[in-house]
Amino acid sequence: MTESQADAPAVDAAELAAWQRDGRSFTVLDVRNRDEFEAWHVDAEAIQIPHQQFIAARARGTTDERVPAAPQSSSAAASTASASASSMLGG
């Protein structure tokens, strides 16, 4: 895990909306299932990895391969799974 990933904060929906309005650069780590992601997702750069796959990558120590470093990356915790993934990245 890179230093920027370890420092990635978890944000709520209101803060994420404010970041979008302000034109702030960010990347969303979306750990919902693919069908949920396809049905609706934030209009922003996003990395979609189902929660169970993220957990498995974390156990193997391969999250760097699944979650590439992104400048000013942030993980948006919108659900229990997102919050769990965010805490694993240090958010």
PDB file of N, CA and C in Angstrom:
ATOM      1  N   MET A   1       0.848  -1.170   0.000  1.00  0.00           N
ATOM      2  CA  MET A   1       0.000   0.000   0.000  1.00  0.00           C
ATOM      3  C   MET A   1       0.895   1.235   0.000  1.00  0.00           C
ATOM      4  N   THR A   2       0.572   2.194  -0.823  1.00  0.00           N
ATOM      5  CA  THR A   2       1.359   3.411  -0.892  1.00  0.00           C
ATOM      6  C   THR A   2       0.976   4.357   0.236  1.00  0.00           C
ATOM      7  N   GLU A   3       1.829   5.339   0.501  1.00  0.00           N
ATOM      8  CA  GLU A   3       1.546   6.295   1.564  1.00  0.00           C
ATOM      9  C   GLU A   3       0.258   7.060   1.300  1.00  0.00           C
ATOM     10  N   SER A   4       0.012   7.446   0.036  1.00  0.00           N
ATOM     11  CA  SER A   4      -1.213   8.189  -0.271  1.00  0.00           C
ATOM     12  C   SER A   4      -2.447   7.336  -0.026  1.00  0.00           C
ATOM     13  N   GLN A   5      -2.372   6.033  -0.274  1.00  0.00           N
ATOM     14  CA  GLN A   5      -3.509   5.162  -0.012  1.00  0.00           C
ATOM     15  C   GLN A   5      -3.745   5.027   1.489  1.00  0.00           C
ATOM     16  N   ALA A   6      -2.688   4.944   2.262  1.00  0.00           N
ATOM     17  CA  ALA A   6      -2.830   4.810   3.707  1.00  0.00           C
ATOM     18  C   ALA A   6      -3.467   6.048   4.317  1.00  0.00           C
ATOM     19  N   ASP A   7      -3.280   7.206   3.692  1.00  0.00           N
ATOM     20  CA  ASP A   7      -3.829   8.461   4.206  1.00  0.00           C
ATOM     21  C   ASP A   7      -5.184   8.799   3.610  1.00  0.00           C
ATOM     22  N   ALA A   8      -5.749   7.937   2.778  1.00  0.00           N
ATOM     23  CA  ALA A   8      -7.015   8.232   2.100  1.00  0.00           C
ATOM     24  C   ALA A   8      -8.156   8.286   3.110  1.00  0.00           C
ATOM     25  N   PRO A   9      -8.866   9.423   3.172  1.00  0.00           N
ATOM     26  CA  PRO A   9      -9.967   9.526   4.132  1.00  0.00           C
ATOM     27  C   PRO A   9     -11.240   8.877   3.621  1.00  0.00           C
ATOM     28  N   ALA A  10     -12.099   8.505   4.547  1.00  0.00           N
ATOM     29  CA  ALA A  10     -13.449   8.088   4.188  1.00  0.00           C
ATOM     30  C   ALA A  10     -14.311   9.342   4.242  1.00  0.00           C
ATOM     31  N   VAL A  11     -15.196   9.505   3.284  1.00  0.00           N
ATOM     32  CA  VAL A  11     -16.049  10.700   3.250  1.00  0.00           C
ATOM     33  C   VAL A  11     -17.504  10.279   3.114  1.00  0.00           C
ATOM     34  N   ASP A  12     -18.401  11.139   3.595  1.00  0.00           N
ATOM     35  CA  ASP A  12     -19.825  10.849   3.437  1.00  0.00           C
ATOM     36  C   ASP A  12     -20.318  11.473   2.130  1.00  0.00           C
ATOM     37  N   ALA A  13     -21.561  11.206   1.781  1.00  0.00           N
ATOM     38  CA  ALA A  13     -22.119  11.651   0.502  1.00  0.00           C
ATOM     39  C   ALA A  13     -22.118  13.170   0.363  1.00  0.00           C
ATOM     40  N   ALA A  14     -22.431  13.883   1.441  1.00  0.00           N
ATOM     41  CA  ALA A  14     -22.475  15.349   1.374  1.00  0.00           C
ATOM     42  C   ALA A  14     -21.093  15.937   1.094  1.00  0.00           C
ATOM     43  N   GLU A  15     -20.074  15.385   1.750  1.00  0.00           N
ATOM     44  CA  GLU A  15     -18.716  15.876   1.524  1.00  0.00           C
ATOM     45  C   GLU A  15     -18.255  15.550   0.102  1.00  0.00           C
ATOM     46  N   LEU A  16     -18.578  14.360  -0.375  1.00  0.00           N
ATOM     47  CA  LEU A  16     -18.215  13.973  -1.729  1.00  0.00           C
ATOM     48  C   LEU A  16     -18.878  14.902  -2.750  1.00  0.00           C
ATOM     49  N   ALA A  17     -20.147  15.239  -2.533  1.00  0.00           N
ATOM     50  CA  ALA A  17     -20.856  16.167  -3.418  1.00  0.00           C
ATOM     51  C   ALA A  17     -20.175  17.540  -3.408  1.00  0.00           C
ATOM     52  N   ALA A  18     -19.741  17.980  -2.241  1.00  0.00           N
ATOM     53  CA  ALA A  18     -19.037  19.268  -2.139  1.00  0.00           C
ATOM     54  C   ALA A  18     -17.724  19.214  -2.909  1.00  0.00           C
ATOM     55  N   TRP A  19     -17.007  18.097  -2.803  1.00  0.00           N
ATOM     56  CA  TRP A  19     -15.753  17.946  -3.560  1.00  0.00           C
ATOM     57  C   TRP A  19     -16.029  18.061  -5.055  1.00  0.00           C
ATOM     58  N   GLN A  20     -17.112  17.436  -5.520  1.00  0.00           N
ATOM     59  CA  GLN A  20     -17.454  17.520  -6.938  1.00  0.00           C
ATOM     60  C   GLN A  20     -17.771  18.958  -7.331  1.00  0.00           C
ATOM     61  N   ARG A  21     -18.569  19.652  -6.538  1.00  0.00           N
ATOM     62  CA  ARG A  21     -18.907  21.053  -6.831  1.00  0.00           C
ATOM     63  C   ARG A  21     -17.670  21.934  -6.878  1.00  0.00           C
ATOM     64  N   ASP A  22     -16.703  21.639  -5.989  1.00  0.00           N
ATOM     65  CA  ASP A  22     -15.480  22.429  -5.911  1.00  0.00           C
ATOM     66  C   ASP A  22     -14.447  22.049  -6.966  1.00  0.00           C
ATOM     67  N   GLY A  23     -14.734  20.992  -7.733  1.00  0.00           N
ATOM     68  CA  GLY A  23     -13.797  20.544  -8.765  1.00  0.00           C
ATOM     69  C   GLY A  23     -12.569  19.844  -8.204  1.00  0.00           C
ATOM     70  N   ARG A  24     -12.683  19.340  -6.990  1.00  0.00           N
ATOM     71  CA  ARG A  24     -11.561  18.640  -6.346  1.00  0.00           C
ATOM     72  C   ARG A  24     -11.284  17.312  -7.042  1.00  0.00           C
ATOM     73  N   SER A  25     -10.037  16.964  -7.168  1.00  0.00           N
ATOM     74  CA  SER A  25      -9.635  15.699  -7.786  1.00  0.00           C
ATOM     75  C   SER A  25      -9.669  14.583  -6.745  1.00  0.00           C
ATOM     76  N   PHE A  26     -10.335  13.470  -7.082  1.00  0.00           N
ATOM     77  CA  PHE A  26     -10.399  12.333  -6.170  1.00  0.00           C
ATOM     78  C   PHE A  26     -10.726  11.068  -6.953  1.00  0.00           C
ATOM     79  N   THR A  27     -10.470   9.937  -6.323  1.00  0.00           N
ATOM     80  CA  THR A  27     -10.815   8.632  -6.867  1.00  0.00           C
ATOM     81  C   THR A  27     -11.628   7.896  -5.823  1.00  0.00           C
ATOM     82  N   VAL A  28     -12.741   7.308  -6.243  1.00  0.00           N
ATOM     83  CA  VAL A  28     -13.620   6.566  -5.334  1.00  0.00           C
ATOM     84  C   VAL A  28     -13.277   5.086  -5.399  1.00  0.00           C
ATOM     85  N   LEU A  29     -13.095   4.469  -4.249  1.00  0.00           N
ATOM     86  CA  LEU A  29     -12.961   3.016  -4.165  1.00  0.00           C
ATOM     87  C   LEU A  29     -14.353   2.485  -3.871  1.00  0.00           C
ATOM     88  N   ASP A  30     -14.958   1.862  -4.862  1.00  0.00           N
ATOM     89  CA  ASP A  30     -16.332   1.363  -4.756  1.00  0.00           C
ATOM     90  C   ASP A  30     -16.273  -0.146  -4.591  1.00  0.00           C
ATOM     91  N   VAL A  31     -16.684  -0.643  -3.421  1.00  0.00           N
ATOM     92  CA  VAL A  31     -16.578  -2.075  -3.137  1.00  0.00           C
ATOM     93  C   VAL A  31     -17.926  -2.787  -3.208  1.00  0.00           C
ATOM     94  N   ARG A  32     -18.875  -2.152  -3.872  1.00  0.00           N
ATOM     95  CA  ARG A  32     -20.158  -2.827  -4.088  1.00  0.00           C
ATOM     96  C   ARG A  32     -20.001  -3.850  -5.214  1.00  0.00           C
ATOM     97  N   ASN A  33     -20.992  -4.741  -5.346  1.00  0.00           N
ATOM     98  CA  ASN A  33     -20.976  -5.703  -6.447  1.00  0.00           C
ATOM     99  C   ASN A  33     -21.103  -4.977  -7.774  1.00  0.00           C
ATOM    100  N   ARG A  34     -20.644  -5.611  -8.837  1.00  0.00           N
ATOM    101  CA  ARG A  34     -20.622  -4.990 -10.165  1.00  0.00           C
ATOM    102  C   ARG A  34     -22.013  -4.541 -10.616  1.00  0.00           C
ATOM    103  N   ASP A  35     -23.047  -5.352 -10.374  1.00  0.00           N
ATOM    104  CA  ASP A  35     -24.389  -4.962 -10.810  1.00  0.00           C
ATOM    105  C   ASP A  35     -24.874  -3.711 -10.087  1.00  0.00           C
ATOM    106  N   GLU A  36     -24.540  -3.574  -8.808  1.00  0.00           N
ATOM    107  CA  GLU A  36     -24.895  -2.363  -8.067  1.00  0.00           C
ATOM    108  C   GLU A  36     -24.138  -1.154  -8.625  1.00  0.00           C
ATOM    109  N   PHE A  37     -22.862  -1.361  -8.929  1.00  0.00           N
ATOM    110  CA  PHE A  37     -22.037  -0.290  -9.503  1.00  0.00           C
ATOM    111  C   PHE A  37     -22.588   0.151 -10.852  1.00  0.00           C
ATOM    112  N   GLU A  38     -22.953  -0.826 -11.696  1.00  0.00           N
ATOM    113  CA  GLU A  38     -23.488  -0.507 -13.023  1.00  0.00           C
ATOM    114  C   GLU A  38     -24.838   0.196 -12.939  1.00  0.00           C
ATOM    115  N   ALA A  39     -25.646  -0.154 -11.938  1.00  0.00           N
ATOM    116  CA  ALA A  39     -26.953   0.473 -11.777  1.00  0.00           C
ATOM    117  C   ALA A  39     -26.820   1.947 -11.409  1.00  0.00           C
ATOM    118  N   TRP A  40     -25.826   2.274 -10.575  1.00  0.00           N
ATOM    119  CA  TRP A  40     -25.603   3.662 -10.177  1.00  0.00           C
ATOM    120  C   TRP A  40     -24.237   3.788  -9.542  1.00  0.00           C
ATOM    121  N   HIS A  41     -23.519   4.829  -9.923  1.00  0.00           N
ATOM    122  CA  HIS A  41     -22.262   5.151  -9.261  1.00  0.00           C
ATOM    123  C   HIS A  41     -21.988   6.645  -9.384  1.00  0.00           C
ATOM    124  N   VAL A  42     -21.123   7.123  -8.554  1.00  0.00           N
ATOM    125  CA  VAL A  42     -20.746   8.534  -8.544  1.00  0.00           C
ATOM    126  C   VAL A  42     -20.071   8.859  -9.867  1.00  0.00           C
ATOM    127  N   ASP A  43     -20.433  10.006 -10.421  1.00  0.00           N
ATOM    128  CA  ASP A  43     -19.827  10.454 -11.677  1.00  0.00           C
ATOM    129  C   ASP A  43     -18.449  11.040 -11.369  1.00  0.00           C
ATOM    130  N   ALA A  44     -17.503  10.146 -11.217  1.00  0.00           N
ATOM    131  CA  ALA A  44     -16.129  10.518 -10.882  1.00  0.00           C
ATOM    132  C   ALA A  44     -15.228   9.345 -11.238  1.00  0.00           C
ATOM    133  N   GLU A  45     -13.931   9.564 -11.165  1.00  0.00           N
ATOM    134  CA  GLU A  45     -13.021   8.443 -11.370  1.00  0.00           C
ATOM    135  C   GLU A  45     -13.264   7.442 -10.254  1.00  0.00           C
ATOM    136  N   ALA A  46     -13.451   6.187 -10.621  1.00  0.00           N
ATOM    137  CA  ALA A  46     -13.754   5.163  -9.618  1.00  0.00           C
ATOM    138  C   ALA A  46     -13.009   3.877  -9.919  1.00  0.00           C
ATOM    139  N   ILE A  47     -12.659   3.193  -8.861  1.00  0.00           N
ATOM    140  CA  ILE A  47     -12.084   1.852  -8.938  1.00  0.00           C
ATOM    141  C   ILE A  47     -13.128   0.953  -8.302  1.00  0.00           C
ATOM    142  N   GLN A  48     -13.642   0.002  -9.057  1.00  0.00           N
ATOM    143  CA  GLN A  48     -14.690  -0.893  -8.551  1.00  0.00           C
ATOM    144  C   GLN A  48     -14.102  -2.262  -8.306  1.00  0.00           C
ATOM    145  N   ILE A  49     -14.127  -2.687  -7.060  1.00  0.00           N
ATOM    146  CA  ILE A  49     -13.650  -4.010  -6.656  1.00  0.00           C
ATOM    147  C   ILE A  49     -14.667  -4.554  -5.658  1.00  0.00           C
ATOM    148  N   PRO A  50     -15.338  -5.663  -5.975  1.00  0.00           N
ATOM    149  CA  PRO A  50     -16.285  -6.223  -5.006  1.00  0.00           C
ATOM    150  C   PRO A  50     -15.622  -6.451  -3.647  1.00  0.00           C
ATOM    151  N   HIS A  51     -16.373  -6.202  -2.589  1.00  0.00           N
ATOM    152  CA  HIS A  51     -15.855  -6.255  -1.228  1.00  0.00           C
ATOM    153  C   HIS A  51     -15.098  -7.545  -0.929  1.00  0.00           C
ATOM    154  N   GLN A  52     -15.674  -8.692  -1.280  1.00  0.00           N
ATOM    155  CA  GLN A  52     -15.013  -9.971  -0.982  1.00  0.00           C
ATOM    156  C   GLN A  52     -13.675 -10.102  -1.708  1.00  0.00           C
ATOM    157  N   GLN A  53     -13.605  -9.598  -2.952  1.00  0.00           N
ATOM    158  CA  GLN A  53     -12.333  -9.638  -3.681  1.00  0.00           C
ATOM    159  C   GLN A  53     -11.309  -8.711  -3.034  1.00  0.00           C
ATOM    160  N   PHE A  54     -11.779  -7.573  -2.532  1.00  0.00           N
ATOM    161  CA  PHE A  54     -10.888  -6.647  -1.847  1.00  0.00           C
ATOM    162  C   PHE A  54     -10.341  -7.285  -0.574  1.00  0.00           C
ATOM    163  N   ILE A  55     -11.215  -7.940   0.191  1.00  0.00           N
ATOM    164  CA  ILE A  55     -10.794  -8.617   1.422  1.00  0.00           C
ATOM    165  C   ILE A  55      -9.757  -9.692   1.100  1.00  0.00           C
ATOM    166  N   ALA A  56     -10.004 -10.470   0.041  1.00  0.00           N
ATOM    167  CA  ALA A  56      -9.056 -11.523  -0.352  1.00  0.00           C
ATOM    168  C   ALA A  56      -7.709 -10.920  -0.758  1.00  0.00           C
ATOM    169  N   ALA A  57      -7.739  -9.820  -1.507  1.00  0.00           N
ATOM    170  CA  ALA A  57      -6.499  -9.158  -1.911  1.00  0.00           C
ATOM    171  C   ALA A  57      -5.755  -8.635  -0.684  1.00  0.00           C
ATOM    172  N   ARG A  58      -6.496  -8.123   0.274  1.00  0.00           N
ATOM    173  CA  ARG A  58      -5.882  -7.631   1.513  1.00  0.00           C
ATOM    174  C   ARG A  58      -5.202  -8.782   2.252  1.00  0.00           C
ATOM    175  N   ALA A  59      -5.859  -9.932   2.324  1.00  0.00           N
ATOM    176  CA  ALA A  59      -5.289 -11.098   3.008  1.00  0.00           C
ATOM    177  C   ALA A  59      -4.015 -11.576   2.322  1.00  0.00           C
ATOM    178  N   ARG A  60      -3.984 -11.475   0.993  1.00  0.00           N
ATOM    179  CA  ARG A  60      -2.800 -11.889   0.228  1.00  0.00           C
ATOM    180  C   ARG A  60      -1.736 -10.795   0.177  1.00  0.00           C
ATOM    181  N   GLY A  61      -2.088  -9.593   0.626  1.00  0.00           N
ATOM    182  CA  GLY A  61      -1.144  -8.477   0.549  1.00  0.00           C
ATOM    183  C   GLY A  61      -1.004  -7.924  -0.857  1.00  0.00           C
ATOM    184  N   THR A  62      -2.070  -8.055  -1.664  1.00  0.00           N
ATOM    185  CA  THR A  62      -1.984  -7.615  -3.064  1.00  0.00           C
ATOM    186  C   THR A  62      -2.923  -6.453  -3.375  1.00  0.00           C
ATOM    187  N   THR A  63      -3.284  -5.650  -2.370  1.00  0.00           N
ATOM    188  CA  THR A  63      -4.178  -4.526  -2.654  1.00  0.00           C
ATOM    189  C   THR A  63      -3.548  -3.518  -3.592  1.00  0.00           C
ATOM    190  N   ASP A  64      -2.212  -3.370  -3.574  1.00  0.00           N
ATOM    191  CA  ASP A  64      -1.550  -2.442  -4.494  1.00  0.00           C
ATOM    192  C   ASP A  64      -1.817  -2.810  -5.946  1.00  0.00           C
ATOM    193  N   GLU A  65      -1.950  -4.111  -6.213  1.00  0.00           N
ATOM    194  CA  GLU A  65      -2.248  -4.560  -7.579  1.00  0.00           C
ATOM    195  C   GLU A  65      -3.691  -4.261  -7.952  1.00  0.00           C
ATOM    196  N   ARG A  66      -4.586  -4.305  -6.977  1.00  0.00           N
ATOM    197  CA  ARG A  66      -6.015  -4.086  -7.229  1.00  0.00           C
ATOM    198  C   ARG A  66      -6.410  -2.617  -7.149  1.00  0.00           C
ATOM    199  N   VAL A  67      -5.696  -1.853  -6.316  1.00  0.00           N
ATOM    200  CA  VAL A  67      -6.021  -0.440  -6.110  1.00  0.00           C
ATOM    201  C   VAL A  67      -4.787   0.375  -6.465  1.00  0.00           C
ATOM    202  N   PRO A  68      -4.668   0.768  -7.737  1.00  0.00           N
ATOM    203  CA  PRO A  68      -3.477   1.519  -8.138  1.00  0.00           C
ATOM    204  C   PRO A  68      -3.415   2.869  -7.437  1.00  0.00           C
ATOM    205  N   ALA A  69      -2.194   3.348  -7.230  1.00  0.00           N
ATOM    206  CA  ALA A  69      -2.011   4.651  -6.593  1.00  0.00           C
ATOM    207  C   ALA A  69      -2.642   5.722  -7.463  1.00  0.00           C
ATOM    208  N   ALA A  70      -3.316   6.667  -6.824  1.00  0.00           N
ATOM    209  CA  ALA A  70      -3.937   7.779  -7.528  1.00  0.00           C
ATOM    210  C   ALA A  70      -3.647   9.044  -6.751  1.00  0.00           C
ATOM    211  N   PRO A  71      -3.327  10.130  -7.442  1.00  0.00           N
ATOM    212  CA  PRO A  71      -3.061  11.362  -6.709  1.00  0.00           C
ATOM    213  C   PRO A  71      -4.298  11.798  -5.943  1.00  0.00           C
ATOM    214  N   GLN A  72      -4.104  12.195  -4.705  1.00  0.00           N
ATOM    215  CA  GLN A  72      -5.175  12.661  -3.827  1.00  0.00           C
ATOM    216  C   GLN A  72      -6.337  11.673  -3.790  1.00  0.00           C
ATOM    217  N   SER A  73      -6.023  10.374  -3.730  1.00  0.00           N
ATOM    218  CA  SER A  73      -7.107   9.390  -3.744  1.00  0.00           C
ATOM    219  C   SER A  73      -7.846   9.383  -2.421  1.00  0.00           C
ATOM    220  N   SER A  74      -9.129   9.104  -2.508  1.00  0.00           N
ATOM    221  CA  SER A  74      -9.973   9.016  -1.335  1.00  0.00           C
ATOM    222  C   SER A  74     -10.941   7.870  -1.516  1.00  0.00           C
ATOM    223  N   SER A  75     -11.332   7.273  -0.439  1.00  0.00           N
ATOM    224  CA  SER A  75     -12.326   6.219  -0.522  1.00  0.00           C
ATOM    225  C   SER A  75     -13.607   6.735   0.096  1.00  0.00           C
ATOM    226  N   ALA A  76     -14.705   6.562  -0.594  1.00  0.00           N
ATOM    227  CA  ALA A  76     -15.988   7.052  -0.099  1.00  0.00           C
ATOM    228  C   ALA A  76     -16.701   5.931   0.624  1.00  0.00           C
ATOM    229  N   ALA A  77     -16.936   6.099   1.898  1.00  0.00           N
ATOM    230  CA  ALA A  77     -17.597   5.070   2.689  1.00  0.00           C
ATOM    231  C   ALA A  77     -19.096   5.323   2.684  1.00  0.00           C
ATOM    232  N   ALA A  78     -19.808   4.617   1.812  1.00  0.00           N
ATOM    233  CA  ALA A  78     -21.248   4.797   1.702  1.00  0.00           C
ATOM    234  C   ALA A  78     -21.996   3.604   2.256  1.00  0.00           C
ATOM    235  N   SER A  79     -21.279   2.567   2.635  1.00  0.00           N
ATOM    236  CA  SER A  79     -21.931   1.373   3.168  1.00  0.00           C
ATOM    237  C   SER A  79     -20.988   0.704   4.151  1.00  0.00           C
ATOM    238  N   THR A  80     -21.449  -0.332   4.814  1.00  0.00           N
ATOM    239  CA  THR A  80     -20.604  -1.069   5.740  1.00  0.00           C
ATOM    240  C   THR A  80     -19.393  -1.643   5.026  1.00  0.00           C
ATOM    241  N   ALA A  81     -19.604  -2.193   3.818  1.00  0.00           N
ATOM    242  CA  ALA A  81     -18.486  -2.760   3.063  1.00  0.00           C
ATOM    243  C   ALA A  81     -17.485  -1.683   2.698  1.00  0.00           C
ATOM    244  N   SER A  82     -17.960  -0.514   2.268  1.00  0.00           N
ATOM    245  CA  SER A  82     -17.056   0.585   1.926  1.00  0.00           C
ATOM    246  C   SER A  82     -16.283   1.044   3.153  1.00  0.00           C
ATOM    247  N   ALA A  83     -16.961   1.142   4.279  1.00  0.00           N
ATOM    248  CA  ALA A  83     -16.293   1.572   5.505  1.00  0.00           C
ATOM    249  C   ALA A  83     -15.216   0.576   5.885  1.00  0.00           C
ATOM    250  N   SER A  84     -15.499  -0.710   5.728  1.00  0.00           N
ATOM    251  CA  SER A  84     -14.527  -1.751   6.026  1.00  0.00           C
ATOM    252  C   SER A  84     -13.310  -1.632   5.119  1.00  0.00           C
ATOM    253  N   ALA A  85     -13.539  -1.461   3.820  1.00  0.00           N
ATOM    254  CA  ALA A  85     -12.432  -1.314   2.870  1.00  0.00           C
ATOM    255  C   ALA A  85     -11.636  -0.060   3.181  1.00  0.00           C
ATOM    256  N   SER A  86     -12.319   1.016   3.503  1.00  0.00           N
ATOM    257  CA  SER A  86     -11.651   2.265   3.824  1.00  0.00           C
ATOM    258  C   SER A  86     -10.745   2.090   5.036  1.00  0.00           C
ATOM    259  N   SER A  87     -11.212   1.397   6.058  1.00  0.00           N
ATOM    260  CA  SER A  87     -10.395   1.209   7.251  1.00  0.00           C
ATOM    261  C   SER A  87      -9.166   0.363   6.932  1.00  0.00           C
ATOM    262  N   MET A  88      -9.298  -0.570   5.998  1.00  0.00           N
ATOM    263  CA  MET A  88      -8.163  -1.406   5.615  1.00  0.00           C
ATOM    264  C   MET A  88      -7.107  -0.608   4.864  1.00  0.00           C
ATOM    265  N   LEU A  89      -7.555   0.459   4.177  1.00  0.00           N
ATOM    266  CA  LEU A  89      -6.617   1.329   3.487  1.00  0.00           C
ATOM    267  C   LEU A  89      -6.107   2.430   4.412  1.00  0.00           C
ATOM    268  N   GLY A  90      -6.598   2.445   5.618  1.00  0.00           N
ATOM    269  CA  GLY A  90      -6.130   3.430   6.577  1.00  0.00           C
ATOM    270  C   GLY A  90      -7.001   4.665   6.637  1.00  0.00           C
ATOM    271  N   GLY A  91      -8.184   4.637   5.969  1.00  0.00           N
ATOM    272  CA  GLY A  91      -9.062   5.817   5.935  1.00  0.00           C
ATOM    273  C   GLY A  91      -9.950   5.910   7.131  1.00  0.00           C
TER     274      GLY A  91
END
